[in-house]
Amino acid sequence: MKKVLLSLFVAIAVAIPCSAATTYNPANKIQEIGEKLLTKSGIPATNVKFMVVSNIPNNSEFVTTKVVNVSSAELAFAGNDNETAAVVAGELGHIIFGHASKSKVINLLQSTTDTNITTSATVQTFASNYQTTKEDKEADLVAVNLMVSAGYNPLAAIVVYTKQTGTYWDTIVGRPANAEKALNIYDYISYVYPEKLKVGYGCNEYRNFLTYAQSNEEARKENKKLQKSYDKTYKKAKKTTADKIAKFKLRGGISGWDAVYGLLNAPQ
């Protein structure tokens, strides 16, 4: 009888997804977790405030306000400290890369030139979506570094993405939600922190994603061209992300694009 009960308990435990515990409130943890993500990477967290916002986070004024805005929609998928750290670290990744400041520099330069380039709405939308995905991928890899330095499980970043609702096409082809972004994180961890893959992450979302990721991994290993591309991509990403964090720290919490914007916007 005891063996039957034990088997039933194990079966139920395996079936449990990474859903948030009823008593867990990620909004209450973002300040503590945010400060840890910064300080464990040697970045000063003095006067840095972490705030939950209901709209798309705008961290373009971080240099002057020292406020990191975090999306309540993203936090809704965080069921523990690891997953909250993934969401917060993602926003820090954007700040460290200076994505919002880059947009400010581009807008400033465009406003001071006579160039008037018009493109179709379709092309503009495609370019915007591509840029957003590219920037998210860059921020995600910085986030992985911050999480590892702070002692959080970086696989939680994959779980937060794959918990979200996928497209109809994702369902048809049997692909997890946000598969491209999640796979980018998995491949980076595989290249830079392979020991973290051995730790794993105990929930259905990650197990389901792992089936998808490993099939891609096997296909890559059977194709020398794909393997060479993978090695080249993540060797470069490893250097770039470490570089961005180091320079952000050296400048005292200012990205390269922040520095450029400050120079361009300085009084003449």
Protein backbone atom coordinates (compact mmCIF):
# COMPACT_ATOMS: atom_id res chain seq x y z
CA MET A 1 0.00 0.00 0.00
CA LYS A 2 2.87 2.37 0.88
CA LYS A 3 4.50 1.69 -2.48
CA VAL A 4 1.23 2.53 -4.27
CA LEU A 5 0.87 5.81 -2.37
CA LEU A 6 4.51 6.69 -3.06
CA SER A 7 4.10 6.02 -6.77
CA LEU A 8 0.96 8.15 -6.85
CA PHE A 9 2.76 11.00 -5.10
CA VAL A 10 5.68 10.87 -7.57
CA ALA A 11 3.31 10.81 -10.55
CA ILE A 12 1.47 13.87 -9.26
CA ALA A 13 4.72 15.70 -8.53
CA VAL A 14 6.04 15.06 -12.06
CA ALA A 15 2.83 16.43 -13.58
CA ILE A 16 2.99 19.71 -11.67
CA PRO A 17 3.88 22.66 -13.90
CA CYS A 18 5.98 25.62 -12.72
CA SER A 19 2.95 27.56 -11.56
CA ALA A 20 3.25 30.24 -8.93
CA ALA A 21 2.63 29.27 -5.35
CA THR A 22 -0.48 30.93 -3.93
CA THR A 23 1.58 32.78 -1.32
CA TYR A 24 4.37 33.87 -3.64
CA ASN A 25 4.32 37.50 -4.76
CA PRO A 26 7.19 38.38 -7.13
CA ALA A 27 6.49 42.11 -6.80
CA ASN A 28 7.53 41.89 -3.15
CA LYS A 29 10.88 40.35 -4.11
CA ILE A 30 12.10 42.46 -7.03
CA GLN A 31 14.06 44.97 -4.92
CA GLU A 32 15.96 42.32 -2.97
CA ILE A 33 16.57 40.18 -6.07
CA GLY A 34 17.47 43.16 -8.27
CA GLU A 35 20.08 44.41 -5.81
CA LYS A 36 21.57 40.92 -5.56
CA LEU A 37 21.79 40.60 -9.35
CA LEU A 38 23.75 43.85 -9.51
CA THR A 39 26.03 43.54 -6.48
CA LYS A 40 27.06 39.93 -7.16
CA SER A 41 28.33 41.09 -10.55
CA GLY A 42 30.20 43.97 -8.93
CA ILE A 43 27.75 46.64 -10.10
CA PRO A 44 26.80 49.24 -7.45
CA ALA A 45 23.14 49.03 -6.45
CA THR A 46 23.13 52.16 -4.27
CA ASN A 47 19.91 54.17 -4.77
CA VAL A 48 18.71 51.80 -7.53
CA LYS A 49 14.97 51.21 -7.21
CA PHE A 50 13.01 48.39 -8.86
CA MET A 51 9.39 49.17 -9.70
CA VAL A 52 6.55 47.12 -11.21
CA VAL A 53 4.73 48.78 -14.13
CA SER A 54 1.63 47.62 -15.96
CA ASN A 55 2.72 48.89 -19.37
CA ILE A 56 5.79 48.03 -21.45
CA PRO A 57 8.83 48.92 -19.30
CA ASN A 58 10.63 52.08 -20.36
CA ASN A 59 14.09 52.23 -18.82
CA SER A 60 15.48 54.95 -21.09
CA GLU A 61 15.95 57.31 -18.12
CA PHE A 62 17.73 54.83 -15.84
CA VAL A 63 20.95 56.87 -15.77
CA THR A 64 19.19 59.87 -14.21
CA THR A 65 16.40 58.21 -12.23
CA LYS A 66 18.16 54.98 -11.13
CA VAL A 67 14.77 53.26 -11.50
CA VAL A 68 14.44 49.85 -13.16
CA ASN A 69 10.90 49.29 -14.40
CA VAL A 70 9.76 45.67 -14.51
CA SER A 71 6.70 44.39 -16.38
CA SER A 72 3.82 43.09 -14.26
CA ALA A 73 2.78 40.95 -17.25
CA GLU A 74 6.17 39.20 -17.26
CA LEU A 75 6.19 38.85 -13.46
CA ALA A 76 2.83 37.07 -13.69
CA PHE A 77 4.77 34.04 -14.98
CA ALA A 78 7.27 34.04 -12.09
CA GLY A 79 6.51 31.41 -9.48
CA ASN A 80 9.70 31.56 -7.42
CA ASP A 81 12.84 33.63 -6.86
CA ASN A 82 14.69 32.06 -9.81
CA GLU A 83 11.92 33.06 -12.21
CA THR A 84 11.58 36.54 -10.71
CA ALA A 85 15.34 36.92 -11.11
CA ALA A 86 14.99 35.95 -14.79
CA VAL A 87 12.45 38.73 -15.40
CA VAL A 88 14.41 41.38 -13.49
CA ALA A 89 17.73 40.32 -15.04
CA GLY A 90 16.17 40.61 -18.49
CA GLU A 91 15.41 44.28 -17.88
CA LEU A 92 18.90 44.84 -16.50
CA GLY A 93 20.24 43.19 -19.65
CA HIS A 94 18.50 45.79 -21.80
CA ILE A 95 19.88 48.58 -19.61
CA ILE A 96 23.44 47.19 -19.70
CA PHE A 97 23.30 46.89 -23.48
CA GLY A 98 21.84 50.40 -23.66
CA HIS A 99 19.01 49.45 -26.01
CA ALA A 100 16.69 52.30 -25.00
CA SER A 101 19.55 54.79 -25.05
CA LYS A 102 20.55 53.59 -28.52
CA SER A 103 17.05 54.48 -29.73
CA LYS A 104 17.39 57.92 -28.12
CA VAL A 105 20.70 58.50 -29.92
CA ILE A 106 19.23 57.45 -33.27
CA ASN A 107 16.17 59.69 -32.78
CA LEU A 108 18.38 62.60 -31.78
CA LEU A 109 20.60 62.20 -34.83
CA GLN A 110 17.59 61.89 -37.14
CA SER A 111 16.06 65.06 -35.71
CA THR A 112 19.22 67.02 -36.47
CA THR A 113 19.60 65.91 -40.11
CA ASP A 114 17.67 66.79 -43.25
CA THR A 115 17.43 63.15 -44.32
CA ASN A 116 13.87 62.09 -44.94
CA ILE A 117 13.63 58.38 -45.66
CA THR A 118 10.18 56.88 -46.11
CA THR A 119 9.45 53.18 -46.06
CA SER A 120 6.28 51.13 -46.18
CA ALA A 121 4.44 50.27 -42.98
CA THR A 122 5.07 46.57 -43.64
CA VAL A 123 8.84 47.05 -43.89
CA GLN A 124 8.87 49.24 -40.77
CA THR A 125 6.90 46.66 -38.79
CA PHE A 126 9.17 43.82 -39.93
CA ALA A 127 12.30 45.82 -39.06
CA SER A 128 10.88 46.77 -35.67
CA ASN A 129 9.95 43.17 -34.80
CA TYR A 130 13.37 41.92 -35.91
CA GLN A 131 15.13 44.55 -33.81
CA THR A 132 12.99 43.75 -30.76
CA THR A 133 13.77 40.03 -31.01
CA LYS A 134 17.49 40.74 -31.52
CA GLU A 135 17.61 43.04 -28.49
CA ASP A 136 15.67 40.58 -26.33
CA LYS A 137 18.18 37.87 -27.23
CA GLU A 138 21.10 40.11 -26.33
CA ALA A 139 19.51 41.10 -23.02
CA ASP A 140 18.67 37.48 -22.22
CA LEU A 141 22.31 36.40 -22.45
CA VAL A 142 23.45 39.21 -20.16
CA ALA A 143 20.63 38.12 -17.84
CA VAL A 144 22.02 34.57 -17.76
CA ASN A 145 25.43 35.91 -16.67
CA LEU A 146 23.87 38.06 -13.94
CA MET A 147 21.76 35.15 -12.68
CA VAL A 148 24.69 32.73 -12.53
CA SER A 149 26.84 35.27 -10.65
CA ALA A 150 24.02 35.82 -8.16
CA GLY A 151 23.42 32.10 -7.61
CA TYR A 152 20.08 31.80 -9.43
CA ASN A 153 19.25 28.96 -11.81
CA PRO A 154 19.49 30.48 -15.34
CA LEU A 155 17.19 27.80 -16.76
CA ALA A 156 14.37 29.72 -15.08
CA ALA A 157 14.62 32.24 -17.94
CA ILE A 158 13.59 29.47 -20.34
CA VAL A 159 10.68 28.52 -18.11
CA VAL A 160 9.35 32.10 -17.90
CA TYR A 161 9.33 32.30 -21.71
CA THR A 162 7.78 28.88 -22.32
CA LYS A 163 5.05 29.37 -19.70
CA GLN A 164 3.60 32.09 -21.91
CA THR A 165 0.94 31.52 -24.55
CA GLY A 166 2.33 30.40 -27.87
CA THR A 167 0.99 31.05 -31.35
CA TYR A 168 -1.35 28.73 -33.25
CA TRP A 169 1.62 27.77 -35.42
CA ASP A 170 3.62 26.82 -32.30
CA THR A 171 0.81 24.44 -31.38
CA ILE A 172 0.57 22.96 -34.87
CA VAL A 173 4.30 22.19 -35.16
CA GLY A 174 4.63 21.15 -31.51
CA ARG A 175 6.94 23.99 -30.58
CA PRO A 176 7.09 25.67 -27.14
CA ALA A 177 6.05 29.31 -26.76
CA ASN A 178 8.86 31.77 -27.53
CA ALA A 179 10.92 28.85 -28.79
CA GLU A 180 13.48 31.00 -30.62
CA LYS A 181 14.31 33.11 -27.56
CA ALA A 182 14.25 30.13 -25.20
CA LEU A 183 16.53 28.11 -27.48
CA ASN A 184 18.96 31.02 -27.64
CA ILE A 185 19.21 30.95 -23.83
CA TYR A 186 19.58 27.16 -23.76
CA ASP A 187 22.32 27.16 -26.39
CA TYR A 188 24.22 29.92 -24.58
CA ILE A 189 24.02 28.08 -21.25
CA SER A 190 25.11 24.89 -23.02
CA TYR A 191 28.19 26.67 -24.39
CA VAL A 192 29.16 28.87 -21.42
CA TYR A 193 27.68 27.11 -18.36
CA PRO A 194 27.22 23.42 -19.31
CA GLU A 195 27.23 22.42 -15.64
CA LYS A 196 23.94 24.31 -15.20
CA LEU A 197 22.21 22.01 -17.67
CA LYS A 198 23.09 19.07 -15.42
CA VAL A 199 21.26 20.75 -12.53
CA GLY A 200 18.07 20.94 -14.60
CA TYR A 201 14.76 22.51 -13.64
CA GLY A 202 11.97 20.43 -12.18
CA CYS A 203 8.74 21.26 -13.95
CA ASN A 204 6.71 20.31 -17.02
CA GLU A 205 7.45 23.48 -18.97
CA TYR A 206 11.17 22.85 -18.85
CA ARG A 207 10.87 19.12 -19.52
CA ASN A 208 8.70 19.79 -22.57
CA PHE A 209 11.13 22.41 -23.82
CA LEU A 210 14.06 20.05 -23.25
CA THR A 211 12.59 17.53 -25.69
CA TYR A 212 12.43 20.27 -28.33
CA ALA A 213 15.91 21.63 -27.53
CA GLN A 214 17.62 18.25 -27.56
CA SER A 215 16.19 17.39 -30.97
CA ASN A 216 17.70 20.63 -32.30
CA GLU A 217 20.96 19.85 -30.54
CA GLU A 218 21.17 16.40 -32.10
CA ALA A 219 20.48 17.81 -35.57
CA ARG A 220 23.23 20.38 -35.09
CA LYS A 221 25.80 17.82 -33.95
CA GLU A 222 25.13 15.77 -37.07
CA ASN A 223 25.79 18.79 -39.29
CA LYS A 224 29.35 20.18 -39.15
CA LYS A 225 28.28 23.47 -40.72
CA LEU A 226 25.56 24.04 -38.08
CA GLN A 227 27.95 23.05 -35.28
CA LYS A 228 30.61 25.46 -36.55
CA SER A 229 28.03 28.26 -36.73
CA TYR A 230 26.87 27.47 -33.17
CA ASP A 231 30.44 27.55 -31.82
CA LYS A 232 31.18 30.84 -33.58
CA THR A 233 27.93 32.49 -32.47
CA TYR A 234 28.22 31.66 -28.78
CA LYS A 235 31.96 32.18 -28.55
CA LYS A 236 31.29 35.73 -29.73
CA ALA A 237 28.24 36.08 -27.42
CA LYS A 238 30.29 34.97 -24.42
CA LYS A 239 32.87 37.69 -25.06
CA THR A 240 30.29 40.37 -25.90
CA THR A 241 28.11 39.84 -22.82
CA ALA A 242 31.09 39.74 -20.45
CA ASP A 243 32.43 42.87 -22.14
CA LYS A 244 29.14 44.77 -21.76
CA ILE A 245 28.87 43.95 -18.06
CA ALA A 246 32.52 44.84 -17.41
CA LYS A 247 32.27 48.22 -19.17
CA PHE A 248 28.91 49.02 -17.54
CA LYS A 249 30.53 48.36 -14.17
CA LEU A 250 33.63 50.39 -15.08
CA ARG A 251 31.49 53.41 -16.06
CA GLY A 252 29.61 53.23 -12.76
CA GLY A 253 26.30 52.00 -14.20
CA ILE A 254 26.31 53.68 -17.60
CA SER A 255 26.11 51.86 -20.93
CA GLY A 256 28.10 52.92 -23.98
CA TRP A 257 24.94 54.33 -25.61
CA ASP A 258 24.17 56.30 -22.45
CA ALA A 259 27.62 57.86 -22.69
CA VAL A 260 27.12 58.74 -26.37
CA TYR A 261 23.70 60.27 -25.69
CA GLY A 262 25.13 62.32 -22.85
CA LEU A 263 27.83 63.74 -25.14
CA LEU A 264 25.41 64.51 -27.96
CA ASN A 265 22.86 66.10 -25.63
CA ALA A 266 25.35 68.13 -23.63
CA PRO A 267 24.95 71.94 -23.74
CA GLN A 268 27.12 73.50 -26.44
